[in-house]
Protein backbone atom coordinates (compact mmCIF):
# COMPACT_ATOMS: atom_id res chain seq x y z
CA UNK A 1 104.55 110.67 78.00
CA UNK A 2 100.76 110.70 77.85
CA UNK A 3 98.37 110.24 80.76
CA UNK A 4 97.44 106.76 79.46
CA UNK A 5 101.08 105.70 79.83
CA UNK A 6 100.57 105.82 83.60
CA UNK A 7 97.84 103.17 83.49
CA UNK A 8 98.73 99.77 85.00
CA UNK A 9 97.17 96.94 86.95
CA UNK A 10 97.29 97.59 90.71
CA UNK A 11 99.50 95.34 92.82
CA UNK A 12 98.64 93.88 96.23
CA UNK A 13 99.21 96.34 99.04
CA UNK A 14 99.15 96.22 102.84
CA UNK A 15 95.67 95.78 104.26
CA UNK A 16 93.78 98.06 106.67
CA UNK A 17 91.39 96.22 108.97
CA UNK A 18 88.96 97.23 111.70
CA UNK A 19 88.20 94.50 114.24
CA UNK A 20 85.25 95.09 116.53
CA UNK A 21 83.10 93.20 119.01
CA UNK A 22 82.00 93.04 122.63
CA UNK A 23 84.56 92.93 125.43
CA UNK A 24 86.23 89.56 125.94
CA UNK A 25 85.64 88.29 122.38
CA UNK A 26 89.36 88.07 121.58
CA UNK A 27 89.84 91.13 119.38
CA UNK A 28 93.31 91.86 120.73
CA UNK A 29 94.37 88.22 120.48
CA UNK A 30 93.20 88.06 116.87
CA UNK A 31 95.02 91.30 116.05
CA UNK A 32 98.21 89.79 117.47
CA UNK A 33 98.02 87.02 114.83
CA UNK A 34 98.75 89.51 112.04
CA UNK A 35 102.33 89.48 110.70
CA UNK A 36 104.98 90.84 113.12
CA UNK A 37 102.71 93.28 115.02
CA UNK A 38 103.56 96.28 117.17
CA UNK A 39 100.80 97.65 119.42
CA UNK A 40 99.96 101.27 120.15
CA UNK A 41 97.83 101.12 123.29
CA UNK A 42 95.23 103.59 124.45
CA UNK A 43 94.16 100.77 126.78
CA UNK A 44 96.04 97.73 128.06
CA UNK A 45 94.38 94.66 126.57
CA UNK A 46 97.42 92.48 125.80
CA UNK A 47 97.40 90.77 129.20
CA UNK A 48 94.60 88.55 127.92
CA UNK A 49 96.93 87.11 125.25
CA UNK A 50 98.83 83.92 126.21
CA UNK A 51 102.43 84.82 127.12
CA UNK A 52 103.94 82.91 124.20
CA UNK A 53 101.78 84.85 121.71
CA UNK A 54 102.16 88.34 123.16
CA UNK A 55 103.35 91.01 120.72
CA UNK A 56 105.75 93.90 121.20
CA UNK A 57 104.04 97.00 122.57
CA UNK A 58 104.65 100.69 123.09
CA UNK A 59 104.00 102.11 126.58
CA UNK A 60 100.31 102.83 127.21
CA UNK A 61 99.42 106.31 125.95
CA UNK A 62 99.19 109.08 128.52
CA UNK A 63 97.97 111.70 126.07
CA UNK A 64 97.49 112.49 122.39
CA UNK A 65 101.09 113.67 121.94
CA UNK A 66 102.28 110.18 122.91
CA UNK A 67 100.19 108.80 120.03
CA UNK A 68 101.69 111.15 117.44
CA UNK A 69 105.23 110.53 118.74
CA UNK A 70 104.84 106.75 118.56
CA UNK A 71 103.49 107.01 115.02
CA UNK A 72 106.35 109.30 114.00
CA UNK A 73 108.81 106.77 115.39
CA UNK A 74 107.31 103.99 113.28
CA UNK A 75 107.45 106.21 110.20
CA UNK A 76 111.01 107.51 110.62
CA UNK A 77 113.03 104.86 112.47
CA UNK A 78 114.35 101.53 111.17
CA UNK A 79 112.38 98.46 112.31
CA UNK A 80 111.09 95.13 111.05
CA UNK A 81 107.47 95.38 112.21
CA UNK A 82 104.89 94.39 109.58
CA UNK A 83 101.61 95.37 111.29
CA UNK A 84 100.52 98.32 113.39
CA UNK A 85 97.71 97.51 115.83
CA UNK A 86 95.85 100.41 117.47
CA UNK A 87 94.08 99.26 120.65
CA UNK A 88 91.58 100.82 120.74
CA UNK A 89 89.94 103.52 118.64
CA UNK A 90 87.16 103.59 121.24
CA UNK A 91 89.61 104.59 123.98
CA UNK A 92 91.25 107.06 121.58
CA UNK A 93 87.88 108.74 121.03
CA UNK A 94 87.76 109.53 124.75
CA UNK A 95 91.37 110.74 124.68
CA UNK A 96 90.73 112.95 121.64
CA UNK A 97 87.64 114.47 123.28
CA UNK A 98 89.60 115.22 126.46
CA UNK A 99 92.37 116.85 124.41
CA UNK A 100 89.97 119.10 122.46
CA UNK A 101 88.27 120.20 125.68
CA UNK A 102 91.58 120.80 127.48
CA UNK A 103 92.87 123.03 124.65
CA UNK A 104 89.70 125.11 124.35
CA UNK A 105 90.47 128.81 124.81
CA UNK A 106 87.17 129.48 126.54
CA UNK A 107 87.61 126.63 129.02
CA UNK A 108 84.74 124.50 127.74
CA UNK A 109 83.54 121.77 130.07
CA UNK A 110 82.22 119.40 127.40
CA UNK A 111 82.72 118.57 123.73
CA UNK A 112 79.49 120.32 122.70
CA UNK A 113 80.88 123.65 123.95
CA UNK A 114 84.46 123.08 122.74
CA UNK A 115 86.01 124.86 119.74
CA UNK A 116 83.19 127.39 119.65
CA UNK A 117 80.30 124.94 119.81
CA UNK A 118 77.87 124.16 117.00
CA UNK A 119 79.51 120.77 116.39
CA UNK A 120 83.02 122.17 115.96
CA UNK A 121 84.33 120.11 118.87
CA UNK A 122 83.11 116.89 117.27
CA UNK A 123 84.65 117.98 113.98
CA UNK A 124 87.99 118.51 115.72
CA UNK A 125 87.82 114.98 117.15
CA UNK A 126 86.93 113.58 113.71
CA UNK A 127 89.97 115.33 112.21
CA UNK A 128 92.20 113.58 114.75
CA UNK A 129 90.77 110.21 113.71
CA UNK A 130 91.39 111.14 110.08
CA UNK A 131 94.99 112.02 110.96
CA UNK A 132 95.43 108.56 112.48
CA UNK A 133 94.03 106.93 109.35
CA UNK A 134 96.39 109.00 107.20
CA UNK A 135 99.31 107.79 109.33
CA UNK A 136 98.26 104.21 108.55
CA UNK A 137 98.36 105.05 104.83
CA UNK A 138 101.86 106.49 105.17
CA UNK A 139 103.05 103.38 107.02
CA UNK A 140 101.62 101.22 104.25
CA UNK A 141 103.36 103.23 101.55
CA UNK A 142 106.69 103.91 103.26
CA UNK A 143 107.12 100.83 105.46
CA UNK A 144 104.87 98.23 103.82
CA UNK A 145 102.91 97.83 107.07
CA UNK A 146 99.38 96.54 107.57
CA UNK A 147 97.19 98.34 110.12
CA UNK A 148 94.57 96.87 112.45
CA UNK A 149 92.21 99.16 114.35
CA UNK A 150 90.46 97.57 117.35
CA UNK A 151 87.09 98.95 118.41
CA UNK A 152 84.36 98.18 120.92
CA UNK A 153 80.71 98.04 119.90
CA UNK A 154 77.32 99.14 121.12
CA UNK A 155 73.78 98.40 120.00
CA UNK A 156 72.14 101.18 118.05
CA UNK A 157 68.79 101.60 116.33
CA UNK A 158 68.77 101.94 112.55
CA UNK A 159 65.94 103.83 110.88
CA UNK A 160 66.12 103.13 107.12
CA UNK A 161 63.84 105.27 104.97
CA UNK A 162 62.48 102.25 103.09
CA UNK A 163 62.01 99.67 105.86
CA UNK A 164 61.17 99.12 109.53
CA UNK A 165 63.57 100.13 112.30
CA UNK A 166 65.95 97.48 113.64
CA UNK A 167 68.80 97.06 116.13
CA UNK A 168 72.40 96.69 115.02
CA UNK A 169 75.88 96.34 116.54
CA UNK A 170 77.96 99.37 115.55
CA UNK A 171 81.25 100.93 116.58
CA UNK A 172 81.11 102.79 119.88
CA UNK A 173 82.10 106.06 118.26
CA UNK A 174 80.33 109.27 117.38
CA UNK A 175 78.96 109.20 113.83
CA UNK A 176 81.46 111.87 112.71
CA UNK A 177 84.38 109.69 113.84
CA UNK A 178 83.40 106.45 112.09
CA UNK A 179 84.29 107.02 108.42
CA UNK A 180 88.08 106.39 108.72
CA UNK A 181 87.41 102.96 110.26
CA UNK A 182 84.40 101.83 108.21
CA UNK A 183 84.33 103.57 104.84
CA UNK A 184 88.10 103.83 104.35
CA UNK A 185 89.28 100.31 105.27
CA UNK A 186 89.52 96.99 103.44
CA UNK A 187 87.84 94.82 106.09
CA UNK A 188 85.51 95.51 108.99
CA UNK A 189 85.29 92.30 111.00
CA UNK A 190 82.78 91.69 113.78
CA UNK A 191 84.00 89.09 116.26
CA UNK A 192 81.38 87.13 118.18
CA UNK A 193 80.58 83.82 119.82
CA UNK A 194 79.08 81.16 117.60
CA UNK A 195 75.70 80.43 119.22
CA UNK A 196 73.05 77.75 118.91
CA UNK A 197 69.44 77.73 120.05
CA UNK A 198 68.24 75.02 122.44
CA UNK A 199 64.80 74.29 123.84
CA UNK A 200 61.21 74.57 122.67
CA UNK A 201 58.68 77.38 122.57
CA UNK A 202 59.23 80.05 125.20
CA UNK A 203 62.04 78.03 126.82
CA UNK A 204 64.53 78.53 123.99
CA UNK A 205 67.94 79.85 124.95
CA UNK A 206 71.18 80.62 123.15
CA UNK A 207 74.20 78.47 124.04
CA UNK A 208 77.80 78.40 122.84
CA UNK A 209 80.80 76.10 123.07
CA UNK A 210 83.14 79.12 123.11
CA UNK A 211 83.95 79.10 119.39
CA UNK A 212 84.59 82.57 118.00
CA UNK A 213 83.61 83.53 114.47
CA UNK A 214 84.52 86.60 112.45
CA UNK A 215 81.77 88.18 110.37
CA UNK A 216 83.41 90.17 107.58
CA UNK A 217 80.58 90.49 105.06
CA UNK A 218 77.64 92.89 104.95
CA UNK A 219 74.80 92.00 107.28
CA UNK A 220 71.97 93.92 108.94
CA UNK A 221 72.94 92.65 112.41
CA UNK A 222 76.33 94.35 112.73
CA UNK A 223 78.82 96.65 111.06
CA UNK A 224 81.01 94.55 108.74
CA UNK A 225 82.33 94.46 105.18
CA UNK A 226 85.23 93.28 103.04
CA UNK A 227 86.82 93.73 99.63
CA UNK A 228 87.95 90.11 99.26
CA UNK A 229 84.81 88.13 98.46
CA UNK A 230 84.40 86.77 102.00
CA UNK A 231 80.79 85.58 102.20
CA UNK A 232 80.72 83.17 105.17
CA UNK A 233 81.58 83.38 108.90
CA UNK A 234 85.26 82.62 109.55
CA UNK A 235 86.15 80.38 112.49
CA UNK A 236 88.83 81.96 114.67
CA UNK A 237 91.46 79.67 116.19
CA UNK A 238 94.02 80.79 118.76
CA UNK A 239 97.21 81.97 117.09
CA UNK A 240 95.83 81.68 113.55
CA UNK A 241 94.60 84.45 111.28
CA UNK A 242 91.46 83.42 109.35
CA UNK A 243 91.91 86.30 106.89
CA UNK A 244 95.20 84.96 105.48
CA UNK A 245 93.32 82.63 103.13
CA UNK A 246 91.56 85.59 101.50
CA UNK A 247 94.04 88.48 101.55
CA UNK A 248 97.11 87.94 99.33
CA UNK A 249 99.24 90.64 100.98
CA UNK A 250 98.79 89.02 104.41
CA UNK A 251 100.01 85.66 103.13
CA UNK A 252 103.02 87.27 101.41
CA UNK A 253 104.00 89.24 104.50
CA UNK A 254 103.59 86.22 106.78
CA UNK A 255 105.85 84.15 104.50
CA UNK A 256 108.52 86.87 104.45
CA UNK A 257 108.37 87.18 108.25
CA UNK A 258 108.85 83.43 108.71
CA UNK A 259 111.87 83.48 106.38
CA UNK A 260 113.36 86.39 108.32
CA UNK A 261 112.98 84.44 111.57
CA UNK A 262 114.69 81.40 110.04
CA UNK A 263 117.55 83.48 108.64
CA UNK A 264 117.88 85.47 111.83
């Protein structure tokens, strides 16, 4: 058998998504619209979801070992969950930092001093994020599960070498921690209110009717991207997943889940 005999067209696989936005935008509610979700919670955001739409959840994490144990359970035990939701990677960043500091042999008091200093503490935190992303890949391969990472945002200043500086919404993570949730995912979606401008001259103001939109294409205003030819804002309706129309594996999984419910 030659190496060219291994060549084939790739099939659809489970999707990995990062959903981000300001607090109160509905990130957790949108994540709950993915097929048959189970939530790992570094913070408790599911109370905002209407009771009839609330997903199954693990207990809120007390420490990093809880996270690894919950992931191991999903990998090794029998279950019918189709999506892992991690809420949130922002809260996990704080938990990872606290863990690295607590385990420092020289009793460091901050992440700059931890693991010997010189950025080693930040590297240790980044490795923990990479471990989480690897767990998502294992769940996709072994269990056929999608993964949704939820993250909060902050405004940062970008300084491109070939243009003027500008402000941008980005994940509220250290730069070393971002790659697993931006570079190595299929969709980064920025959830925001749809706004309109009213008034004239200096009296203009932004207003909204409460409609949420998901930005999942590259833009200078916020971190976002996709691999599915999404080029326009997607309107987000309660209980509906706007990505299903674009991502084949989501539609397939949702159909299978509905059949399982009918047969069960």
